[in-house]
Amino acid sequence: MIGGLLFGIPVLWVTFMVSEPFQTIFLMLAGAILYSPMGASVTYAQEVAPEHKALVSAMMLGVVWFLGSLIAIGVGALGDVWSILTVMPAAIVVTGSIGVVLSFGLPKENRA
C-alpha cells in the first residue's frame, strides 16, 4: 500500500507538469499504480474481520468512493477560486501524504 502511494503520487503530480500526449500516458500510469494496492487493502480488511468478508469488502470500496467524492467536491470548490491546475497538484500532494502517513500506522505481520 505504501509503495503504491509513494510511486503513484509523484507520477500523478508529473501529469500536470507535462503536455499532451504525455499527460495521458502519465495519467494512465498513475491510475494503474495508485489502484494496484486495492486488492491488498481489501484482503487486509477481510483478514481483520474474517466472519464478514463480503461486508468488509463492500465497506472498503464504499469508503474509498465516498471519500474520493468528498475530496472532489472540495478540490472543485477550491479550483473555482484559484485555477484547477493550481489546486490539483497541491491536493495530490496533501491527500497522498495523509495516505502515506496513515499507511505507516497499519500493523505489520510477519508470515513465515
PDB file of N, CA and C in Angstrom:
ATOM      1  N   MET A   1       0.832  -1.191   0.000  1.00  0.00           N
ATOM      2  CA  MET A   1       0.000   0.000   0.000  1.00  0.00           C
ATOM      3  C   MET A   1       0.876   1.253   0.000  1.00  0.00           C
ATOM      4  N   ILE A   2       1.903   1.212   0.823  1.00  0.00           N
ATOM      5  CA  ILE A   2       2.787   2.372   0.911  1.00  0.00           C
ATOM      6  C   ILE A   2       3.516   2.591  -0.410  1.00  0.00           C
ATOM      7  N   GLY A   3       3.968   1.514  -1.019  1.00  0.00           N
ATOM      8  CA  GLY A   3       4.668   1.624  -2.298  1.00  0.00           C
ATOM      9  C   GLY A   3       3.796   2.213  -3.386  1.00  0.00           C
ATOM     10  N   GLY A   4       2.540   1.795  -3.437  1.00  0.00           N
ATOM     11  CA  GLY A   4       1.621   2.346  -4.431  1.00  0.00           C
ATOM     12  C   GLY A   4       1.458   3.851  -4.288  1.00  0.00           C
ATOM     13  N   LEU A   5       1.361   4.312  -3.055  1.00  0.00           N
ATOM     14  CA  LEU A   5       1.238   5.754  -2.824  1.00  0.00           C
ATOM     15  C   LEU A   5       2.551   6.479  -3.097  1.00  0.00           C
ATOM     16  N   LEU A   6       3.647   5.911  -2.634  1.00  0.00           N
ATOM     17  CA  LEU A   6       4.939   6.580  -2.814  1.00  0.00           C
ATOM     18  C   LEU A   6       5.349   6.686  -4.280  1.00  0.00           C
ATOM     19  N   PHE A   7       4.961   5.716  -5.095  1.00  0.00           N
ATOM     20  CA  PHE A   7       5.288   5.778  -6.514  1.00  0.00           C
ATOM     21  C   PHE A   7       4.208   6.477  -7.336  1.00  0.00           C
ATOM     22  N   GLY A   8       2.950   6.294  -6.961  1.00  0.00           N
ATOM     23  CA  GLY A   8       1.849   6.849  -7.742  1.00  0.00           C
ATOM     24  C   GLY A   8       1.677   8.347  -7.616  1.00  0.00           C
ATOM     25  N   ILE A   9       1.897   8.898  -6.438  1.00  0.00           N
ATOM     26  CA  ILE A   9       1.697  10.333  -6.213  1.00  0.00           C
ATOM     27  C   ILE A   9       2.650  11.168  -7.071  1.00  0.00           C
ATOM     28  N   PRO A  10       3.950  10.859  -7.090  1.00  0.00           N
ATOM     29  CA  PRO A  10       4.822  11.667  -7.965  1.00  0.00           C
ATOM     30  C   PRO A  10       4.456  11.543  -9.447  1.00  0.00           C
ATOM     31  N   VAL A  11       4.055  10.345  -9.868  1.00  0.00           N
ATOM     32  CA  VAL A  11       3.672  10.176 -11.278  1.00  0.00           C
ATOM     33  C   VAL A  11       2.429  11.002 -11.581  1.00  0.00           C
ATOM     34  N   LEU A  12       1.458  11.012 -10.669  1.00  0.00           N
ATOM     35  CA  LEU A  12       0.258  11.823 -10.870  1.00  0.00           C
ATOM     36  C   LEU A  12       0.590  13.304 -10.857  1.00  0.00           C
ATOM     37  N   TRP A  13       1.497  13.719  -9.998  1.00  0.00           N
ATOM     38  CA  TRP A  13       1.898  15.119  -9.930  1.00  0.00           C
ATOM     39  C   TRP A  13       2.573  15.542 -11.228  1.00  0.00           C
ATOM     40  N   VAL A  14       3.418  14.676 -11.791  1.00  0.00           N
ATOM     41  CA  VAL A  14       4.103  14.968 -13.052  1.00  0.00           C
ATOM     42  C   VAL A  14       3.092  15.122 -14.189  1.00  0.00           C
ATOM     43  N   THR A  15       1.959  14.438 -14.084  1.00  0.00           N
ATOM     44  CA  THR A  15       0.927  14.525 -15.118  1.00  0.00           C
ATOM     45  C   THR A  15       0.527  15.970 -15.396  1.00  0.00           C
ATOM     46  N   PHE A  16       0.504  16.794 -14.362  1.00  0.00           N
ATOM     47  CA  PHE A  16       0.094  18.185 -14.533  1.00  0.00           C
ATOM     48  C   PHE A  16       1.244  19.089 -14.957  1.00  0.00           C
ATOM     49  N   MET A  17       2.426  18.548 -15.054  1.00  0.00           N
ATOM     50  CA  MET A  17       3.585  19.349 -15.428  1.00  0.00           C
ATOM     51  C   MET A  17       4.019  19.134 -16.882  1.00  0.00           C
ATOM     52  N   VAL A  18       3.467  18.125 -17.535  1.00  0.00           N
ATOM     53  CA  VAL A  18       3.851  17.827 -18.916  1.00  0.00           C
ATOM     54  C   VAL A  18       2.687  18.139 -19.848  1.00  0.00           C
ATOM     55  N   SER A  19       2.976  18.181 -21.140  1.00  0.00           N
ATOM     56  CA  SER A  19       1.931  18.473 -22.124  1.00  0.00           C
ATOM     57  C   SER A  19       1.470  17.180 -22.789  1.00  0.00           C
ATOM     58  N   GLU A  20       0.391  17.304 -23.558  1.00  0.00           N
ATOM     59  CA  GLU A  20      -0.120  16.153 -24.301  1.00  0.00           C
ATOM     60  C   GLU A  20       0.901  15.723 -25.333  1.00  0.00           C
ATOM     61  N   PRO A  21       1.007  14.502 -25.691  1.00  0.00           N
ATOM     62  CA  PRO A  21       0.292  13.305 -25.302  1.00  0.00           C
ATOM     63  C   PRO A  21       0.850  12.664 -24.035  1.00  0.00           C
ATOM     64  N   PHE A  22       1.876  13.262 -23.446  1.00  0.00           N
ATOM     65  CA  PHE A  22       2.491  12.677 -22.254  1.00  0.00           C
ATOM     66  C   PHE A  22       1.562  12.726 -21.045  1.00  0.00           C
ATOM     67  N   GLN A  23       0.669  13.708 -20.986  1.00  0.00           N
ATOM     68  CA  GLN A  23      -0.287  13.762 -19.878  1.00  0.00           C
ATOM     69  C   GLN A  23      -1.128  12.501 -19.816  1.00  0.00           C
ATOM     70  N   THR A  24      -1.615  12.074 -20.950  1.00  0.00           N
ATOM     71  CA  THR A  24      -2.447  10.874 -21.000  1.00  0.00           C
ATOM     72  C   THR A  24      -1.654   9.653 -20.556  1.00  0.00           C
ATOM     73  N   ILE A  25      -0.434   9.546 -20.996  1.00  0.00           N
ATOM     74  CA  ILE A  25       0.399   8.402 -20.632  1.00  0.00           C
ATOM     75  C   ILE A  25       0.665   8.395 -19.132  1.00  0.00           C
ATOM     76  N   PHE A  26       1.048   9.558 -18.582  1.00  0.00           N
ATOM     77  CA  PHE A  26       1.317   9.639 -17.144  1.00  0.00           C
ATOM     78  C   PHE A  26       0.052   9.419 -16.323  1.00  0.00           C
ATOM     79  N   LEU A  27      -1.093   9.891 -16.809  1.00  0.00           N
ATOM     80  CA  LEU A  27      -2.350   9.694 -16.088  1.00  0.00           C
ATOM     81  C   LEU A  27      -2.727   8.217 -16.026  1.00  0.00           C
ATOM     82  N   MET A  28      -2.572   7.515 -17.138  1.00  0.00           N
ATOM     83  CA  MET A  28      -2.857   6.079 -17.138  1.00  0.00           C
ATOM     84  C   MET A  28      -1.894   5.330 -16.228  1.00  0.00           C
ATOM     85  N   LEU A  29      -0.630   5.683 -16.256  1.00  0.00           N
ATOM     86  CA  LEU A  29       0.364   5.042 -15.408  1.00  0.00           C
ATOM     87  C   LEU A  29       0.077   5.311 -13.927  1.00  0.00           C
ATOM     88  N   ALA A  30      -0.247   6.557 -13.599  1.00  0.00           N
ATOM     89  CA  ALA A  30      -0.567   6.907 -12.209  1.00  0.00           C
ATOM     90  C   ALA A  30      -1.809   6.159 -11.731  1.00  0.00           C
ATOM     91  N   GLY A  31      -2.819   6.059 -12.570  1.00  0.00           N
ATOM     92  CA  GLY A  31      -4.034   5.336 -12.203  1.00  0.00           C
ATOM     93  C   GLY A  31      -3.751   3.872 -11.907  1.00  0.00           C
ATOM     94  N   ALA A  32      -2.930   3.250 -12.744  1.00  0.00           N
ATOM     95  CA  ALA A  32      -2.584   1.842 -12.519  1.00  0.00           C
ATOM     96  C   ALA A  32      -1.794   1.661 -11.229  1.00  0.00           C
ATOM     97  N   ILE A  33      -0.847   2.560 -10.978  1.00  0.00           N
ATOM     98  CA  ILE A  33      -0.021   2.444  -9.768  1.00  0.00           C
ATOM     99  C   ILE A  33      -0.859   2.694  -8.518  1.00  0.00           C
ATOM    100  N   LEU A  34      -1.702   3.729  -8.546  1.00  0.00           N
ATOM    101  CA  LEU A  34      -2.491   4.065  -7.363  1.00  0.00           C
ATOM    102  C   LEU A  34      -3.584   3.040  -7.078  1.00  0.00           C
ATOM    103  N   TYR A  35      -4.072   2.362  -8.106  1.00  0.00           N
ATOM    104  CA  TYR A  35      -5.116   1.352  -7.893  1.00  0.00           C
ATOM    105  C   TYR A  35      -4.533  -0.007  -7.508  1.00  0.00           C
ATOM    106  N   SER A  36      -3.248  -0.208  -7.748  1.00  0.00           N
ATOM    107  CA  SER A  36      -2.642  -1.519  -7.502  1.00  0.00           C
ATOM    108  C   SER A  36      -2.748  -2.004  -6.054  1.00  0.00           C
ATOM    109  N   PRO A  37      -2.688  -1.155  -5.028  1.00  0.00           N
ATOM    110  CA  PRO A  37      -2.813  -1.682  -3.664  1.00  0.00           C
ATOM    111  C   PRO A  37      -4.242  -2.026  -3.240  1.00  0.00           C
ATOM    112  N   MET A  38      -5.235  -1.790  -4.078  1.00  0.00           N
ATOM    113  CA  MET A  38      -6.623  -2.012  -3.673  1.00  0.00           C
ATOM    114  C   MET A  38      -6.867  -3.468  -3.297  1.00  0.00           C
ATOM    115  N   GLY A  39      -6.328  -4.405  -4.042  1.00  0.00           N
ATOM    116  CA  GLY A  39      -6.515  -5.816  -3.709  1.00  0.00           C
ATOM    117  C   GLY A  39      -5.933  -6.171  -2.352  1.00  0.00           C
ATOM    118  N   ALA A  40      -4.753  -5.626  -2.068  1.00  0.00           N
ATOM    119  CA  ALA A  40      -4.131  -5.869  -0.761  1.00  0.00           C
ATOM    120  C   ALA A  40      -4.944  -5.226   0.353  1.00  0.00           C
ATOM    121  N   SER A  41      -5.515  -4.059   0.089  1.00  0.00           N
ATOM    122  CA  SER A  41      -6.325  -3.372   1.095  1.00  0.00           C
ATOM    123  C   SER A  41      -7.574  -4.177   1.440  1.00  0.00           C
ATOM    124  N   VAL A  42      -8.234  -4.685   0.420  1.00  0.00           N
ATOM    125  CA  VAL A  42      -9.446  -5.477   0.648  1.00  0.00           C
ATOM    126  C   VAL A  42      -9.093  -6.781   1.366  1.00  0.00           C
ATOM    127  N   THR A  43      -8.011  -7.421   0.953  1.00  0.00           N
ATOM    128  CA  THR A  43      -7.594  -8.653   1.610  1.00  0.00           C
ATOM    129  C   THR A  43      -7.230  -8.402   3.072  1.00  0.00           C
ATOM    130  N   TYR A  44      -6.548  -7.296   3.327  1.00  0.00           N
ATOM    131  CA  TYR A  44      -6.182  -6.936   4.699  1.00  0.00           C
ATOM    132  C   TYR A  44      -7.443  -6.748   5.545  1.00  0.00           C
ATOM    133  N   ALA A  45      -8.423  -6.053   4.993  1.00  0.00           N
ATOM    134  CA  ALA A  45      -9.679  -5.830   5.728  1.00  0.00           C
ATOM    135  C   ALA A  45     -10.401  -7.151   5.972  1.00  0.00           C
ATOM    136  N   GLN A  46     -10.373  -8.065   5.014  1.00  0.00           N
ATOM    137  CA  GLN A  46     -11.022  -9.356   5.188  1.00  0.00           C
ATOM    138  C   GLN A  46     -10.326 -10.200   6.249  1.00  0.00           C
ATOM    139  N   GLU A  47      -9.035 -10.029   6.414  1.00  0.00           N
ATOM    140  CA  GLU A  47      -8.320 -10.752   7.465  1.00  0.00           C
ATOM    141  C   GLU A  47      -8.655 -10.193   8.846  1.00  0.00           C
ATOM    142  N   VAL A  48      -8.965  -8.913   8.907  1.00  0.00           N
ATOM    143  CA  VAL A  48      -9.328  -8.289  10.184  1.00  0.00           C
ATOM    144  C   VAL A  48     -10.688  -8.806  10.650  1.00  0.00           C
ATOM    145  N   ALA A  49     -11.624  -8.997   9.711  1.00  0.00           N
ATOM    146  CA  ALA A  49     -12.966  -9.483  10.052  1.00  0.00           C
ATOM    147  C   ALA A  49     -13.313 -10.678   9.167  1.00  0.00           C
ATOM    148  N   PRO A  50     -12.717 -11.856   9.417  1.00  0.00           N
ATOM    149  CA  PRO A  50     -12.923 -12.999   8.524  1.00  0.00           C
ATOM    150  C   PRO A  50     -14.350 -13.528   8.488  1.00  0.00           C
ATOM    151  N   GLU A  51     -15.133 -13.258   9.509  1.00  0.00           N
ATOM    152  CA  GLU A  51     -16.504 -13.765   9.517  1.00  0.00           C
ATOM    153  C   GLU A  51     -17.457 -12.898   8.674  1.00  0.00           C
ATOM    154  N   HIS A  52     -16.989 -11.737   8.225  1.00  0.00           N
ATOM    155  CA  HIS A  52     -17.825 -10.834   7.420  1.00  0.00           C
ATOM    156  C   HIS A  52     -17.055 -10.352   6.190  1.00  0.00           C
ATOM    157  N   LYS A  53     -16.506 -11.273   5.437  1.00  0.00           N
ATOM    158  CA  LYS A  53     -15.641 -10.911   4.308  1.00  0.00           C
ATOM    159  C   LYS A  53     -16.347 -10.065   3.253  1.00  0.00           C
ATOM    160  N   ALA A  54     -17.563 -10.424   2.888  1.00  0.00           N
ATOM    161  CA  ALA A  54     -18.279  -9.670   1.855  1.00  0.00           C
ATOM    162  C   ALA A  54     -18.617  -8.261   2.332  1.00  0.00           C
ATOM    163  N   LEU A  55     -19.048  -8.154   3.565  1.00  0.00           N
ATOM    164  CA  LEU A  55     -19.395  -6.841   4.119  1.00  0.00           C
ATOM    165  C   LEU A  55     -18.172  -5.938   4.183  1.00  0.00           C
ATOM    166  N   VAL A  56     -17.063  -6.470   4.650  1.00  0.00           N
ATOM    167  CA  VAL A  56     -15.843  -5.673   4.773  1.00  0.00           C
ATOM    168  C   VAL A  56     -15.339  -5.250   3.399  1.00  0.00           C
ATOM    169  N   SER A  57     -15.420  -6.127   2.426  1.00  0.00           N
ATOM    170  CA  SER A  57     -15.007  -5.789   1.071  1.00  0.00           C
ATOM    171  C   SER A  57     -15.849  -4.647   0.513  1.00  0.00           C
ATOM    172  N   ALA A  58     -17.150  -4.734   0.680  1.00  0.00           N
ATOM    173  CA  ALA A  58     -18.044  -3.671   0.210  1.00  0.00           C
ATOM    174  C   ALA A  58     -17.794  -2.359   0.950  1.00  0.00           C
ATOM    175  N   MET A  59     -17.526  -2.454   2.239  1.00  0.00           N
ATOM    176  CA  MET A  59     -17.256  -1.240   3.019  1.00  0.00           C
ATOM    177  C   MET A  59     -15.969  -0.565   2.553  1.00  0.00           C
ATOM    178  N   MET A  60     -14.954  -1.344   2.274  1.00  0.00           N
ATOM    179  CA  MET A  60     -13.686  -0.770   1.801  1.00  0.00           C
ATOM    180  C   MET A  60     -13.899   0.006   0.509  1.00  0.00           C
ATOM    181  N   LEU A  61     -14.571  -0.600  -0.433  1.00  0.00           N
ATOM    182  CA  LEU A  61     -14.806   0.077  -1.708  1.00  0.00           C
ATOM    183  C   LEU A  61     -15.735   1.273  -1.531  1.00  0.00           C
ATOM    184  N   GLY A  62     -16.753   1.133  -0.704  1.00  0.00           N
ATOM    185  CA  GLY A  62     -17.682   2.240  -0.469  1.00  0.00           C
ATOM    186  C   GLY A  62     -17.018   3.423   0.193  1.00  0.00           C
ATOM    187  N   VAL A  63     -16.171   3.173   1.168  1.00  0.00           N
ATOM    188  CA  VAL A  63     -15.478   4.269   1.851  1.00  0.00           C
ATOM    189  C   VAL A  63     -14.532   4.984   0.893  1.00  0.00           C
ATOM    190  N   VAL A  64     -13.833   4.232   0.053  1.00  0.00           N
ATOM    191  CA  VAL A  64     -12.916   4.841  -0.915  1.00  0.00           C
ATOM    192  C   VAL A  64     -13.681   5.765  -1.859  1.00  0.00           C
ATOM    193  N   TRP A  65     -14.799   5.295  -2.394  1.00  0.00           N
ATOM    194  CA  TRP A  65     -15.579   6.123  -3.313  1.00  0.00           C
ATOM    195  C   TRP A  65     -16.203   7.327  -2.604  1.00  0.00           C
ATOM    196  N   PHE A  66     -16.658   7.139  -1.374  1.00  0.00           N
ATOM    197  CA  PHE A  66     -17.246   8.233  -0.604  1.00  0.00           C
ATOM    198  C   PHE A  66     -16.219   9.330  -0.330  1.00  0.00           C
ATOM    199  N   LEU A  67     -15.053   8.932   0.174  1.00  0.00           N
ATOM    200  CA  LEU A  67     -14.021   9.926   0.465  1.00  0.00           C
ATOM    201  C   LEU A  67     -13.515  10.598  -0.810  1.00  0.00           C
ATOM    202  N   GLY A  68     -13.388   9.841  -1.874  1.00  0.00           N
ATOM    203  CA  GLY A  68     -12.984  10.428  -3.151  1.00  0.00           C
ATOM    204  C   GLY A  68     -13.978  11.466  -3.641  1.00  0.00           C
ATOM    205  N   SER A  69     -15.254  11.192  -3.445  1.00  0.00           N
ATOM    206  CA  SER A  69     -16.286  12.153  -3.853  1.00  0.00           C
ATOM    207  C   SER A  69     -16.230  13.419  -3.008  1.00  0.00           C
ATOM    208  N   LEU A  70     -16.030  13.263  -1.707  1.00  0.00           N
ATOM    209  CA  LEU A  70     -15.914  14.447  -0.841  1.00  0.00           C
ATOM    210  C   LEU A  70     -14.703  15.295  -1.214  1.00  0.00           C
ATOM    211  N   ILE A  71     -13.593  14.639  -1.474  1.00  0.00           N
ATOM    212  CA  ILE A  71     -12.386  15.364  -1.856  1.00  0.00           C
ATOM    213  C   ILE A  71     -12.592  16.069  -3.192  1.00  0.00           C
ATOM    214  N   ALA A  72     -13.280  15.424  -4.124  1.00  0.00           N
ATOM    215  CA  ALA A  72     -13.537  16.035  -5.435  1.00  0.00           C
ATOM    216  C   ALA A  72     -14.372  17.306  -5.297  1.00  0.00           C
ATOM    217  N   ILE A  73     -15.337  17.286  -4.389  1.00  0.00           N
ATOM    218  CA  ILE A  73     -16.150  18.494  -4.162  1.00  0.00           C
ATOM    219  C   ILE A  73     -15.274  19.626  -3.625  1.00  0.00           C
ATOM    220  N   GLY A  74     -14.428  19.309  -2.646  1.00  0.00           N
ATOM    221  CA  GLY A  74     -13.533  20.320  -2.088  1.00  0.00           C
ATOM    222  C   GLY A  74     -12.541  20.857  -3.106  1.00  0.00           C
ATOM    223  N   VAL A  75     -11.958  19.968  -3.890  1.00  0.00           N
ATOM    224  CA  VAL A  75     -10.994  20.385  -4.914  1.00  0.00           C
ATOM    225  C   VAL A  75     -11.694  21.229  -5.976  1.00  0.00           C
ATOM    226  N   GLY A  76     -12.911  20.857  -6.344  1.00  0.00           N
ATOM    227  CA  GLY A  76     -13.662  21.645  -7.323  1.00  0.00           C
ATOM    228  C   GLY A  76     -13.980  23.041  -6.818  1.00  0.00           C
ATOM    229  N   ALA A  77     -14.369  23.142  -5.554  1.00  0.00           N
ATOM    230  CA  ALA A  77     -14.670  24.453  -4.975  1.00  0.00           C
ATOM    231  C   ALA A  77     -13.413  25.321  -4.924  1.00  0.00           C
ATOM    232  N   LEU A  78     -12.299  24.734  -4.510  1.00  0.00           N
ATOM    233  CA  LEU A  78     -11.045  25.495  -4.488  1.00  0.00           C
ATOM    234  C   LEU A  78     -10.583  25.832  -5.903  1.00  0.00           C
ATOM    235  N   GLY A  79     -10.842  24.939  -6.845  1.00  0.00           N
ATOM    236  CA  GLY A  79     -10.496  25.198  -8.239  1.00  0.00           C
ATOM    237  C   GLY A  79     -11.286  26.344  -8.832  1.00  0.00           C
ATOM    238  N   ASP A  80     -12.507  26.577  -8.320  1.00  0.00           N
ATOM    239  CA  ASP A  80     -13.288  27.725  -8.776  1.00  0.00           C
ATOM    240  C   ASP A  80     -12.684  29.036  -8.280  1.00  0.00           C
ATOM    241  N   VAL A  81     -12.092  29.000  -7.098  1.00  0.00           N
ATOM    242  CA  VAL A  81     -11.485  30.207  -6.541  1.00  0.00           C
ATOM    243  C   VAL A  81     -10.133  30.458  -7.192  1.00  0.00           C
ATOM    244  N   TRP A  82      -9.272  29.441  -7.181  1.00  0.00           N
ATOM    245  CA  TRP A  82      -7.994  29.514  -7.862  1.00  0.00           C
ATOM    246  C   TRP A  82      -8.117  28.648  -9.103  1.00  0.00           C
ATOM    247  N   SER A  83      -7.107  28.502  -9.850  1.00  0.00           N
ATOM    248  CA  SER A  83      -7.137  27.650 -11.038  1.00  0.00           C
ATOM    249  C   SER A  83      -7.090  26.180 -10.623  1.00  0.00           C
ATOM    250  N   ILE A  84      -7.796  25.337 -11.370  1.00  0.00           N
ATOM    251  CA  ILE A  84      -7.773  23.903 -11.074  1.00  0.00           C
ATOM    252  C   ILE A  84      -6.371  23.336 -11.275  1.00  0.00           C
ATOM    253  N   LEU A  85      -5.616  23.942 -12.197  1.00  0.00           N
ATOM    254  CA  LEU A  85      -4.240  23.498 -12.423  1.00  0.00           C
ATOM    255  C   LEU A  85      -3.321  23.886 -11.274  1.00  0.00           C
ATOM    256  N   THR A  86      -3.749  24.826 -10.435  1.00  0.00           N
ATOM    257  CA  THR A  86      -3.002  25.175  -9.227  1.00  0.00           C
ATOM    258  C   THR A  86      -3.414  24.274  -8.078  1.00  0.00           C
ATOM    259  N   VAL A  87      -4.704  23.990  -7.988  1.00  0.00           N
ATOM    260  CA  VAL A  87      -5.245  23.243  -6.852  1.00  0.00           C
ATOM    261  C   VAL A  87      -4.937  21.746  -6.950  1.00  0.00           C
ATOM    262  N   MET A  88      -5.040  21.163  -8.138  1.00  0.00           N
ATOM    263  CA  MET A  88      -4.865  19.710  -8.275  1.00  0.00           C
ATOM    264  C   MET A  88      -3.511  19.198  -7.800  1.00  0.00           C
ATOM    265  N   PRO A  89      -2.393  19.781  -8.247  1.00  0.00           N
ATOM    266  CA  PRO A  89      -1.113  19.259  -7.732  1.00  0.00           C
ATOM    267  C   PRO A  89      -0.996  19.382  -6.208  1.00  0.00           C
ATOM    268  N   ALA A  90      -1.490  20.469  -5.649  1.00  0.00           N
ATOM    269  CA  ALA A  90      -1.442  20.634  -4.193  1.00  0.00           C
ATOM    270  C   ALA A  90      -2.322  19.588  -3.509  1.00  0.00           C
ATOM    271  N   ALA A  91      -3.506  19.339  -4.047  1.00  0.00           N
ATOM    272  CA  ALA A  91      -4.412  18.341  -3.469  1.00  0.00           C
ATOM    273  C   ALA A  91      -3.810  16.945  -3.559  1.00  0.00           C
ATOM    274  N   ILE A  92      -3.116  16.664  -4.640  1.00  0.00           N
ATOM    275  CA  ILE A  92      -2.480  15.362  -4.811  1.00  0.00           C
ATOM    276  C   ILE A  92      -1.419  15.144  -3.738  1.00  0.00           C
ATOM    277  N   VAL A  93      -0.601  16.151  -3.518  1.00  0.00           N
ATOM    278  CA  VAL A  93       0.469  16.029  -2.528  1.00  0.00           C
ATOM    279  C   VAL A  93      -0.113  15.909  -1.117  1.00  0.00           C
ATOM    280  N   VAL A  94      -1.112  16.726  -0.797  1.00  0.00           N
ATOM    281  CA  VAL A  94      -1.690  16.712   0.554  1.00  0.00           C
ATOM    282  C   VAL A  94      -2.389  15.387   0.836  1.00  0.00           C
ATOM    283  N   THR A  95      -3.294  14.963  -0.036  1.00  0.00           N
ATOM    284  CA  THR A  95      -4.020  13.722   0.210  1.00  0.00           C
ATOM    285  C   THR A  95      -3.090  12.505   0.153  1.00  0.00           C
ATOM    286  N   GLY A  96      -2.122  12.535  -0.750  1.00  0.00           N
ATOM    287  CA  GLY A  96      -1.160  11.439  -0.822  1.00  0.00           C
ATOM    288  C   GLY A  96      -0.302  11.340   0.431  1.00  0.00           C
ATOM    289  N   SER A  97       0.113  12.478   0.942  1.00  0.00           N
ATOM    290  CA  SER A  97       0.912  12.486   2.178  1.00  0.00           C
ATOM    291  C   SER A  97       0.114  11.944   3.354  1.00  0.00           C
ATOM    292  N   ILE A  98      -1.147  12.320   3.437  1.00  0.00           N
ATOM    293  CA  ILE A  98      -2.006  11.801   4.505  1.00  0.00           C
ATOM    294  C   ILE A  98      -2.130  10.283   4.382  1.00  0.00           C
ATOM    295  N   GLY A  99      -2.314   9.790   3.160  1.00  0.00           N
ATOM    296  CA  GLY A  99      -2.416   8.347   2.942  1.00  0.00           C
ATOM    297  C   GLY A  99      -1.150   7.602   3.328  1.00  0.00           C
ATOM    298  N   VAL A 100       0.004   8.180   2.991  1.00  0.00           N
ATOM    299  CA  VAL A 100       1.275   7.532   3.341  1.00  0.00           C
ATOM    300  C   VAL A 100       1.441   7.484   4.858  1.00  0.00           C
ATOM    301  N   VAL A 101       1.153   8.589   5.525  1.00  0.00           N
ATOM    302  CA  VAL A 101       1.293   8.641   6.987  1.00  0.00           C
ATOM    303  C   VAL A 101       0.363   7.618   7.647  1.00  0.00           C
ATOM    304  N   LEU A 102      -0.882   7.548   7.189  1.00  0.00           N
ATOM    305  CA  LEU A 102      -1.826   6.585   7.752  1.00  0.00           C
ATOM    306  C   LEU A 102      -1.396   5.149   7.463  1.00  0.00           C
ATOM    307  N   SER A 103      -0.819   4.910   6.298  1.00  0.00           N
ATOM    308  CA  SER A 103      -0.373   3.560   5.940  1.00  0.00           C
ATOM    309  C   SER A 103       0.753   3.069   6.836  1.00  0.00           C
ATOM    310  N   PHE A 104       1.620   3.973   7.250  1.00  0.00           N
ATOM    311  CA  PHE A 104       2.699   3.572   8.156  1.00  0.00           C
ATOM    312  C   PHE A 104       2.165   3.151   9.515  1.00  0.00           C
ATOM    313  N   GLY A 105       0.958   3.575   9.853  1.00  0.00           N
ATOM    314  CA  GLY A 105       0.365   3.214  11.135  1.00  0.00           C
ATOM    315  C   GLY A 105      -0.309   1.861  11.150  1.00  0.00           C
ATOM    316  N   LEU A 106      -0.419   1.200   9.999  1.00  0.00           N
ATOM    317  CA  LEU A 106      -1.048  -0.119   9.949  1.00  0.00           C
ATOM    318  C   LEU A 106      -0.174  -1.151  10.639  1.00  0.00           C
ATOM    319  N   PRO A 107      -0.791  -2.094  11.355  1.00  0.00           N
ATOM    320  CA  PRO A 107       0.012  -3.134  11.994  1.00  0.00           C
ATOM    321  C   PRO A 107       0.686  -4.026  10.953  1.00  0.00           C
ATOM    322  N   LYS A 108       1.865  -4.471  11.288  1.00  0.00           N
ATOM    323  CA  LYS A 108       2.620  -5.322  10.382  1.00  0.00           C
ATOM    324  C   LYS A 108       2.677  -6.743  10.939  1.00  0.00           C
ATOM    325  N   GLU A 109       2.486  -7.700  10.046  1.00  0.00           N
ATOM    326  CA  GLU A 109       2.554  -9.102  10.439  1.00  0.00           C
ATOM    327  C   GLU A 109       3.707  -9.760   9.725  1.00  0.00           C
ATOM    328  N   ASN A 110       4.380 -10.626  10.419  1.00  0.00           N
ATOM    329  CA  ASN A 110       5.409 -11.448   9.790  1.00  0.00           C
ATOM    330  C   ASN A 110       4.823 -12.830   9.568  1.00  0.00           C
ATOM    331  N   ARG A 111       4.800 -13.232   8.322  1.00  0.00           N
ATOM    332  CA  ARG A 111       4.292 -14.570   7.990  1.00  0.00           C
ATOM    333  C   ARG A 111       5.457 -15.401   7.497  1.00  0.00           C
ATOM    334  N   ALA A 112       5.784 -16.410   8.233  1.00  0.00           N
ATOM    335  CA  ALA A 112       6.909 -17.245   7.845  1.00  0.00           C
ATOM    336  C   ALA A 112       6.435 -18.618   7.433  1.00  0.00           C
TER     337      ALA A 112
END
